[in-house]
C-alpha atoms as a PDB file:
ATOM      1  CA  MET A   1     221.620  88.108  64.675  1.00  0.00           C
ATOM      2  CA  ASP A   2     222.977  87.607  68.210  1.00  0.00           C
ATOM      3  CA  GLU A   3     220.176  89.813  69.542  1.00  0.00           C
ATOM      4  CA  LYS A   4     217.537  87.682  67.810  1.00  0.00           C
ATOM      5  CA  HIS A   5     219.162  84.484  69.087  1.00  0.00           C
ATOM      6  CA  ARG A   6     219.151  85.845  72.655  1.00  0.00           C
ATOM      7  CA  LEU A   7     215.533  86.977  72.270  1.00  0.00           C
ATOM      8  CA  ARG A   8     214.474  83.557  70.987  1.00  0.00           C
ATOM      9  CA  ARG A   9     215.924  81.856  74.046  1.00  0.00           C
ATOM     10  CA  GLU A  10     214.341  84.389  76.414  1.00  0.00           C
ATOM     11  CA  LEU A  11     210.939  84.262  74.714  1.00  0.00           C
ATOM     12  CA  MET A  12     210.927  80.462  74.556  1.00  0.00           C
ATOM     13  CA  THR A  13     211.550  80.430  78.305  1.00  0.00           C
ATOM     14  CA  ARG A  14     208.764  82.982  78.881  1.00  0.00           C
ATOM     15  CA  ARG A  15     206.329  80.921  76.819  1.00  0.00           C
ATOM     16  CA  ASP A  16     207.362  77.654  78.479  1.00  0.00           C
ATOM     17  CA  GLN A  17     206.904  79.209  81.929  1.00  0.00           C
ATOM     18  CA  THR A  18     203.497  80.732  81.196  1.00  0.00           C
ATOM     19  CA  THR A  19     201.083  79.214  83.677  1.00  0.00           C
ATOM     20  CA  GLY A  20     197.551  78.191  82.807  1.00  0.00           C
ATOM     21  CA  ARG A  21     198.299  77.797  79.101  1.00  0.00           C
ATOM     22  CA  ASP A  22     195.085  75.805  78.527  1.00  0.00           C
ATOM     23  CA  VAL A  23     192.906  78.567  79.974  1.00  0.00           C
ATOM     24  CA  ARG A  24     194.911  81.259  78.186  1.00  0.00           C
ATOM     25  CA  SER A  25     194.697  79.343  74.883  1.00  0.00           C
ATOM     26  CA  GLU A  26     190.934  79.099  75.322  1.00  0.00           C
ATOM     27  CA  ALA A  27     190.695  82.869  75.852  1.00  0.00           C
ATOM     28  CA  ILE A  28     192.796  83.460  72.723  1.00  0.00           C
ATOM     29  CA  ARG A  29     190.613  81.034  70.762  1.00  0.00           C
ATOM     30  CA  GLU A  30     187.444  82.851  71.839  1.00  0.00           C
ATOM     31  CA  ARG A  31     188.980  86.191  70.850  1.00  0.00           C
ATOM     32  CA  VAL A  32     189.904  84.796  67.408  1.00  0.00           C
ATOM     33  CA  LEU A  33     186.454  83.228  66.907  1.00  0.00           C
ATOM     34  CA  ALA A  34     184.767  86.550  67.729  1.00  0.00           C
ATOM     35  CA  SER A  35     186.948  88.529  65.333  1.00  0.00           C
ATOM     36  CA  PRO A  36     185.452  89.721  62.034  1.00  0.00           C
ATOM     37  CA  VAL A  37     188.543  88.539  60.139  1.00  0.00           C
ATOM     38  CA  PHE A  38     187.894  84.976  61.286  1.00  0.00           C
ATOM     39  CA  GLN A  39     184.115  85.160  60.905  1.00  0.00           C
ATOM     40  CA  HIS A  40     184.370  86.400  57.301  1.00  0.00           C
ATOM     41  CA  ALA A  41     187.090  83.959  56.227  1.00  0.00           C
ATOM     42  CA  ARG A  42     185.913  81.109  54.020  1.00  0.00           C
ATOM     43  CA  ALA A  43     189.257  79.311  54.345  1.00  0.00           C
ATOM     44  CA  ILE A  44     192.049  79.605  56.891  1.00  0.00           C
ATOM     45  CA  HIS A  45     195.655  78.492  57.177  1.00  0.00           C
ATOM     46  CA  CYS A  46     196.569  77.541  60.736  1.00  0.00           C
ATOM     47  CA  TYR A  47     199.432  75.693  62.359  1.00  0.00           C
ATOM     48  CA  LEU A  48     198.806  72.615  64.495  1.00  0.00           C
ATOM     49  CA  SER A  49     200.303  73.582  67.834  1.00  0.00           C
ATOM     50  CA  ILE A  50     203.091  71.655  69.525  1.00  0.00           C
ATOM     51  CA  ARG A  51     204.918  71.984  72.838  1.00  0.00           C
ATOM     52  CA  SER A  52     204.056  75.227  74.675  1.00  0.00           C
ATOM     53  CA  GLU A  53     202.566  77.080  71.677  1.00  0.00           C
ATOM     54  CA  VAL A  54     199.085  78.556  71.886  1.00  0.00           C
ATOM     55  CA  ASP A  55     196.820  75.528  71.386  1.00  0.00           C
ATOM     56  CA  THR A  56     195.122  75.700  67.990  1.00  0.00           C
ATOM     57  CA  HIS A  57     193.520  72.255  67.827  1.00  0.00           C
ATOM     58  CA  PHE A  58     190.095  73.378  69.088  1.00  0.00           C
ATOM     59  CA  LEU A  59     190.213  76.496  66.912  1.00  0.00           C
ATOM     60  CA  ILE A  60     190.786  74.301  63.847  1.00  0.00           C
ATOM     61  CA  ALA A  61     188.012  71.920  64.911  1.00  0.00           C
ATOM     62  CA  ILE A  62     185.551  74.809  65.275  1.00  0.00           C
ATOM     63  CA  ALA A  63     186.572  76.278  61.909  1.00  0.00           C
ATOM     64  CA  LEU A  64     185.897  72.918  60.254  1.00  0.00           C
ATOM     65  CA  THR A  65     182.563  72.604  62.075  1.00  0.00           C
ATOM     66  CA  GLN A  66     181.622  76.046  60.751  1.00  0.00           C
ATOM     67  CA  GLY A  67     182.278  74.821  57.209  1.00  0.00           C
ATOM     68  CA  LYS A  68     185.541  76.685  56.702  1.00  0.00           C
ATOM     69  CA  ALA A  69     188.262  75.013  54.673  1.00  0.00           C
ATOM     70  CA  VAL A  70     191.444  74.589  56.721  1.00  0.00           C
ATOM     71  CA  ALA A  71     194.994  74.315  55.427  1.00  0.00           C
ATOM     72  CA  ILE A  72     198.009  73.553  57.590  1.00  0.00           C
ATOM     73  CA  PRO A  73     201.744  73.957  57.021  1.00  0.00           C
ATOM     74  CA  VAL A  74     203.712  70.781  56.350  1.00  0.00           C
ATOM     75  CA  LEU A  75     207.487  70.478  56.199  1.00  0.00           C
ATOM     76  CA  ASP A  76     208.515  67.852  53.683  1.00  0.00           C
ATOM     77  CA  SER A  77     211.534  65.560  54.091  1.00  0.00           C
ATOM     78  CA  ASN A  78     213.723  68.232  52.462  1.00  0.00           C
ATOM     79  CA  ARG A  79     212.449  70.782  55.032  1.00  0.00           C
ATOM     80  CA  ARG A  80     210.549  72.733  52.395  1.00  0.00           C
ATOM     81  CA  LEU A  81     207.294  74.282  53.543  1.00  0.00           C
ATOM     82  CA  ARG A  82     204.254  72.859  51.805  1.00  0.00           C
ATOM     83  CA  HIS A  83     200.577  73.180  52.666  1.00  0.00           C
ATOM     84  CA  SER A  84     197.726  70.706  52.878  1.00  0.00           C
ATOM     85  CA  TRP A  85     193.981  70.907  53.326  1.00  0.00           C
ATOM     86  CA  ILE A  86     192.693  68.820  56.210  1.00  0.00           C
ATOM     87  CA  ASN A  87     189.252  67.365  56.980  1.00  0.00           C
ATOM     88  CA  GLY A  88     189.679  67.032  60.747  1.00  0.00           C
ATOM     89  CA  ILE A  89     192.131  66.796  63.594  1.00  0.00           C
ATOM     90  CA  ASP A  90     191.816  63.128  64.514  1.00  0.00           C
ATOM     91  CA  PRO A  91     195.313  62.114  65.726  1.00  0.00           C
ATOM     92  CA  ALA A  92     195.041  58.934  63.628  1.00  0.00           C
ATOM     93  CA  ASP A  93     195.095  61.123  60.492  1.00  0.00           C
ATOM     94  CA  PHE A  94     198.520  62.566  61.350  1.00  0.00           C
ATOM     95  CA  THR A  95     202.083  61.436  61.767  1.00  0.00           C
ATOM     96  CA  GLU A  96     205.042  63.160  63.372  1.00  0.00           C
ATOM     97  CA  GLY A  97     206.794  65.389  60.888  1.00  0.00           C
ATOM     98  CA  VAL A  98     209.952  67.472  60.857  1.00  0.00           C
ATOM     99  CA  PHE A  99     210.845  69.314  64.116  1.00  0.00           C
ATOM    100  CA  GLY A 100     208.081  67.424  65.946  1.00  0.00           C
ATOM    101  CA  THR A 101     205.319  69.053  63.911  1.00  0.00           C
ATOM    102  CA  LEU A 102     202.274  67.062  62.839  1.00  0.00           C
ATOM    103  CA  ALA A 103     201.828  66.108  59.199  1.00  0.00           C
ATOM    104  CA  PRO A 104     198.710  64.673  57.559  1.00  0.00           C
ATOM    105  CA  ARG A 105     199.088  61.067  56.461  1.00  0.00           C
ATOM    106  CA  VAL A 106     197.393  62.094  53.208  1.00  0.00           C
ATOM    107  CA  ILE A 107     198.584  65.378  51.717  1.00  0.00           C
ATOM    108  CA  ARG A 108     195.965  67.406  49.840  1.00  0.00           C
ATOM    109  CA  PRO A 109     198.130  70.186  48.331  1.00  0.00           C
ATOM    110  CA  VAL A 110     197.075  73.809  48.501  1.00  0.00           C
ATOM    111  CA  ASP A 111     198.887  76.870  47.200  1.00  0.00           C
ATOM    112  CA  PRO A 112     199.720  79.917  49.314  1.00  0.00           C
ATOM    113  CA  GLY A 113     196.924  82.438  49.034  1.00  0.00           C
ATOM    114  CA  ASP A 114     194.142  79.897  48.415  1.00  0.00           C
ATOM    115  CA  TRP A 115     192.886  80.838  51.885  1.00  0.00           C
ATOM    116  CA  ASP A 116     191.671  84.171  53.317  1.00  0.00           C
ATOM    117  CA  LEU A 117     193.289  84.235  56.742  1.00  0.00           C
ATOM    118  CA  THR A 118     196.696  83.042  57.910  1.00  0.00           C
ATOM    119  CA  ILE A 119     196.973  82.271  61.628  1.00  0.00           C
ATOM    120  CA  VAL A 120     200.605  82.542  62.632  1.00  0.00           C
ATOM    121  CA  PRO A 121     202.591  81.121  65.566  1.00  0.00           C
ATOM    122  CA  MET A 122     205.365  83.104  67.209  1.00  0.00           C
ATOM    123  CA  LEU A 123     207.822  83.242  70.051  1.00  0.00           C
ATOM    124  CA  GLY A 124     207.396  86.981  70.507  1.00  0.00           C
ATOM    125  CA  PHE A 125     205.766  90.078  69.054  1.00  0.00           C
ATOM    126  CA  ASP A 126     205.603  93.838  69.296  1.00  0.00           C
ATOM    127  CA  ARG A 127     202.711  96.238  68.755  1.00  0.00           C
ATOM    128  CA  ASP A 128     203.917  97.140  65.267  1.00  0.00           C
ATOM    129  CA  GLY A 129     203.003  93.602  64.221  1.00  0.00           C
ATOM    130  CA  TYR A 130     206.523  92.260  63.989  1.00  0.00           C
ATOM    131  CA  ARG A 131     207.061  88.744  65.232  1.00  0.00           C
ATOM    132  CA  ILE A 132     209.979  86.540  65.992  1.00  0.00           C
ATOM    133  CA  GLY A 133     209.729  82.857  65.258  1.00  0.00           C
ATOM    134  CA  TYR A 134     212.101  79.950  65.442  1.00  0.00           C
ATOM    135  CA  GLY A 135     214.522  81.542  62.964  1.00  0.00           C
ATOM    136  CA  MET A 136     214.002  79.438  59.860  1.00  0.00           C
ATOM    137  CA  GLY A 137     212.117  82.119  57.900  1.00  0.00           C
ATOM    138  CA  TYR A 138     209.274  79.802  56.871  1.00  0.00           C
ATOM    139  CA  TYR A 139     206.501  82.190  57.830  1.00  0.00           C
ATOM    140  CA  ASP A 140     208.189  85.295  56.409  1.00  0.00           C
ATOM    141  CA  ARG A 141     208.415  83.535  53.038  1.00  0.00           C
ATOM    142  CA  LEU A 142     204.838  82.262  53.349  1.00  0.00           C
ATOM    143  CA  LEU A 143     203.442  85.685  54.235  1.00  0.00           C
ATOM    144  CA  ALA A 144     205.328  87.262  51.329  1.00  0.00           C
ATOM    145  CA  ALA A 145     203.862  84.641  48.948  1.00  0.00           C
ATOM    146  CA  ALA A 146     200.305  84.650  50.347  1.00  0.00           C
ATOM    147  CA  PRO A 147     198.819  88.153  50.525  1.00  0.00           C
ATOM    148  CA  THR A 148     196.096  87.315  53.034  1.00  0.00           C
ATOM    149  CA  THR A 149     195.010  88.858  56.300  1.00  0.00           C
ATOM    150  CA  THR A 150     197.415  87.720  59.014  1.00  0.00           C
ATOM    151  CA  LEU A 151     196.588  87.008  62.638  1.00  0.00           C
ATOM    152  CA  GLY A 152     199.268  86.055  65.130  1.00  0.00           C
ATOM    153  CA  VAL A 153     198.359  84.202  68.300  1.00  0.00           C
ATOM    154  CA  ALA A 154     200.510  84.433  71.427  1.00  0.00           C
ATOM    155  CA  PHE A 155     200.348  84.705  75.171  1.00  0.00           C
ATOM    156  CA  SER A 156     200.607  88.267  76.480  1.00  0.00           C
ATOM    157  CA  ALA A 157     203.874  87.308  78.227  1.00  0.00           C
ATOM    158  CA  GLN A 158     205.430  87.011  74.763  1.00  0.00           C
ATOM    159  CA  GLU A 159     205.103  90.736  74.030  1.00  0.00           C
ATOM    160  CA  VAL A 160     208.239  92.869  73.844  1.00  0.00           C
ATOM    161  CA  ALA A 161     208.527  96.640  73.428  1.00  0.00           C
ATOM    162  CA  ALA A 162     210.206  96.422  70.017  1.00  0.00           C
ATOM    163  CA  LEU A 163     211.655  93.630  67.933  1.00  0.00           C
ATOM    164  CA  PRO A 164     214.627  94.009  65.625  1.00  0.00           C
ATOM    165  CA  HIS A 165     213.434  93.452  62.077  1.00  0.00           C
ATOM    166  CA  ALA A 166     214.842  93.338  58.578  1.00  0.00           C
ATOM    167  CA  PRO A 167     213.213  94.285  55.261  1.00  0.00           C
ATOM    168  CA  HIS A 168     212.159  90.644  54.666  1.00  0.00           C
ATOM    169  CA  ASP A 169     210.321  90.442  58.023  1.00  0.00           C
ATOM    170  CA  MET A 170     206.587  90.571  57.330  1.00  0.00           C
ATOM    171  CA  PRO A 171     204.473  92.398  59.935  1.00  0.00           C
ATOM    172  CA  LEU A 172     201.149  90.900  60.983  1.00  0.00           C
ATOM    173  CA  ASP A 173     197.779  92.628  60.686  1.00  0.00           C
ATOM    174  CA  PHE A 174     196.403  91.449  64.051  1.00  0.00           C
ATOM    175  CA  ILE A 175     197.671  89.716  67.168  1.00  0.00           C
ATOM    176  CA  ALA A 176     195.359  87.895  69.576  1.00  0.00           C
ATOM    177  CA  THR A 177     196.420  87.366  73.162  1.00  0.00           C
ATOM    178  CA  GLU A 178     194.388  86.204  76.133  1.00  0.00           C
ATOM    179  CA  ASP A 179     194.000  89.873  77.112  1.00  0.00           C
ATOM    180  CA  GLU A 180     193.243  91.664  73.845  1.00  0.00           C
ATOM    181  CA  MET A 181     193.067  91.776  70.067  1.00  0.00           C
ATOM    182  CA  ILE A 182     195.824  94.062  68.837  1.00  0.00           C
ATOM    183  CA  GLU A 183     195.462  95.795  65.509  1.00  0.00           C
ATOM    184  CA  ALA A 184     199.115  96.103  64.567  1.00  0.00           C
ATOM    185  CA  CYS A 185     200.366  99.461  63.419  1.00  0.00           C
ATOM    186  CA  ALA A 186     203.454  98.722  61.344  1.00  0.00           C
ATOM    187  CA  ILE A 187     204.447 101.762  59.299  1.00  0.00           C
ATOM    188  CA  LEU A 188     205.685  99.726  56.340  1.00  0.00           C
ATOM    189  CA  ARG A 189     202.476  98.167  55.032  1.00  0.00           C
END
């Protein structure tokens, strides 16, 4: 656990210090939009980015414009992960939620797996598809409950050679960076 804690701090610093995040986020967005997994998805689940995360706002807007249904994660007041469909990304439709995340003012509940593609945030990743997040386990539980195609988005500076992982850690299918689309090769699929 100490190793993961140290890695989280290091990877948060790497992400925070990544220069040109807007341009890099745009390159990641274009890579995601061009991917067959995104193009064939009728509905996606995607986080609304905060702080120095890869910006997903334009990606969500384009998905909605293309007629895709979009669900986002929402932490309720008890810090349980819920999910809601959204119609747009107008700031007036959202309020600040738990941990500084955005929450829709009107929740339209959706169950895990009612979408085709889950777009996942992360602090770091390796080429086997393992990711490290903020340490709360929300996405590991979501990915275990929603057997969809998974696509992580991160800046290339967030890559590490190998991440420590436990049996409950769910590897991703794909990872998009500003430099490439990685088809993860986790042995335990």
